[in-house]
Amino acid sequence: MSAIRQKIEARLDELEALMKAGNYAEAEELIPSIAKFMSVLTEEQRDLLNTVRFAIAENLDWTA
């Protein structure tokens, strides 16, 4: 796996952990550092990122 893909995976893992912990403010701050790689994200990764954005915007419970 390339260094960039590893970096993306690590950030997505961190994003998911922040969402599960209910720390939406930090998750929101992390999104731009992932979104800048949008052109190389897989469809699944883009879906996750968009779902996180929606959950934050609507203040939805991530664990439900």
C-alpha atoms as a PDB file:
ATOM      1  CA  MET A   1       0.000   0.000   0.000  1.00  0.00           C
ATOM      2  CA  SER A   2       1.325   3.414  -0.904  1.00  0.00           C
ATOM      3  CA  ALA A   3       2.172   5.981   1.730  1.00  0.00           C
ATOM      4  CA  ILE A   4      -0.738   8.178   0.635  1.00  0.00           C
ATOM      5  CA  ARG A   5      -3.243   5.322   0.894  1.00  0.00           C
ATOM      6  CA  GLN A   6      -1.894   4.489   4.358  1.00  0.00           C
ATOM      7  CA  LYS A   7      -2.303   8.123   5.393  1.00  0.00           C
ATOM      8  CA  ILE A   8      -5.870   8.163   4.067  1.00  0.00           C
ATOM      9  CA  GLU A   9      -6.750   4.909   5.858  1.00  0.00           C
ATOM     10  CA  ALA A  10      -5.288   6.207   9.134  1.00  0.00           C
ATOM     11  CA  ARG A  11      -7.294   9.421   8.884  1.00  0.00           C
ATOM     12  CA  LEU A  12     -10.490   7.563   8.046  1.00  0.00           C
ATOM     13  CA  ASP A  13      -9.944   5.265  11.018  1.00  0.00           C
ATOM     14  CA  GLU A  14      -9.425   8.310  13.225  1.00  0.00           C
ATOM     15  CA  LEU A  15     -12.555   9.929  11.773  1.00  0.00           C
ATOM     16  CA  GLU A  16     -14.642   6.867  12.542  1.00  0.00           C
ATOM     17  CA  ALA A  17     -13.272   6.680  16.084  1.00  0.00           C
ATOM     18  CA  LEU A  18     -14.105  10.344  16.675  1.00  0.00           C
ATOM     19  CA  MET A  19     -17.633   9.822  15.391  1.00  0.00           C
ATOM     20  CA  LYS A  20     -18.154   6.742  17.577  1.00  0.00           C
ATOM     21  CA  ALA A  21     -16.919   8.760  20.568  1.00  0.00           C
ATOM     22  CA  GLY A  22     -19.394  11.522  19.713  1.00  0.00           C
ATOM     23  CA  ASN A  23     -16.600  14.031  19.170  1.00  0.00           C
ATOM     24  CA  TYR A  24     -18.166  15.718  16.157  1.00  0.00           C
ATOM     25  CA  ALA A  25     -16.176  18.948  16.473  1.00  0.00           C
ATOM     26  CA  GLU A  26     -12.822  17.183  16.059  1.00  0.00           C
ATOM     27  CA  ALA A  27     -14.268  14.957  13.337  1.00  0.00           C
ATOM     28  CA  GLU A  28     -15.387  18.039  11.425  1.00  0.00           C
ATOM     29  CA  GLU A  29     -11.885  19.507  11.679  1.00  0.00           C
ATOM     30  CA  LEU A  30     -10.392  16.274  10.284  1.00  0.00           C
ATOM     31  CA  ILE A  31     -12.663  16.114   7.224  1.00  0.00           C
ATOM     32  CA  PRO A  32     -10.701  18.605   5.044  1.00  0.00           C
ATOM     33  CA  SER A  33      -7.490  16.606   5.503  1.00  0.00           C
ATOM     34  CA  ILE A  34      -9.303  13.603   3.998  1.00  0.00           C
ATOM     35  CA  ALA A  35     -11.426  15.436   1.439  1.00  0.00           C
ATOM     36  CA  LYS A  36      -8.348  16.797  -0.315  1.00  0.00           C
ATOM     37  CA  PHE A  37      -7.749  13.217  -1.484  1.00  0.00           C
ATOM     38  CA  MET A  38     -11.283  12.864  -2.888  1.00  0.00           C
ATOM     39  CA  SER A  39     -10.023  11.978  -6.378  1.00  0.00           C
ATOM     40  CA  VAL A  40      -8.212   8.882  -5.084  1.00  0.00           C
ATOM     41  CA  LEU A  41     -10.738   7.754  -2.481  1.00  0.00           C
ATOM     42  CA  THR A  42     -12.648   4.577  -3.171  1.00  0.00           C
ATOM     43  CA  GLU A  43     -16.409   4.776  -3.553  1.00  0.00           C
ATOM     44  CA  GLU A  44     -16.788   3.276  -0.079  1.00  0.00           C
ATOM     45  CA  GLN A  45     -14.451   5.885   1.420  1.00  0.00           C
ATOM     46  CA  ARG A  46     -16.312   8.728  -0.324  1.00  0.00           C
ATOM     47  CA  ASP A  47     -19.611   7.334   0.967  1.00  0.00           C
ATOM     48  CA  LEU A  48     -18.228   7.236   4.510  1.00  0.00           C
ATOM     49  CA  LEU A  49     -16.972  10.807   4.267  1.00  0.00           C
ATOM     50  CA  ASN A  50     -20.301  12.049   2.920  1.00  0.00           C
ATOM     51  CA  THR A  51     -22.227  10.136   5.574  1.00  0.00           C
ATOM     52  CA  VAL A  52     -20.066  11.655   8.300  1.00  0.00           C
ATOM     53  CA  ARG A  53     -20.665  15.132   6.885  1.00  0.00           C
ATOM     54  CA  PHE A  54     -24.415  14.508   6.879  1.00  0.00           C
ATOM     55  CA  ALA A  55     -24.403  13.087  10.421  1.00  0.00           C
ATOM     56  CA  ILE A  56     -22.501  16.112  11.704  1.00  0.00           C
ATOM     57  CA  ALA A  57     -24.740  18.591   9.862  1.00  0.00           C
ATOM     58  CA  GLU A  58     -27.896  16.911  11.186  1.00  0.00           C
ATOM     59  CA  ASN A  59     -26.391  16.151  14.609  1.00  0.00           C
ATOM     60  CA  LEU A  60     -27.317  12.470  14.241  1.00  0.00           C
ATOM     61  CA  ASP A  61     -26.246   9.768  16.671  1.00  0.00           C
ATOM     62  CA  TRP A  62     -23.450   7.860  14.946  1.00  0.00           C
ATOM     63  CA  THR A  63     -23.843   4.745  17.098  1.00  0.00           C
ATOM     64  CA  ALA A  64     -27.559   4.247  16.449  1.00  0.00           C
END
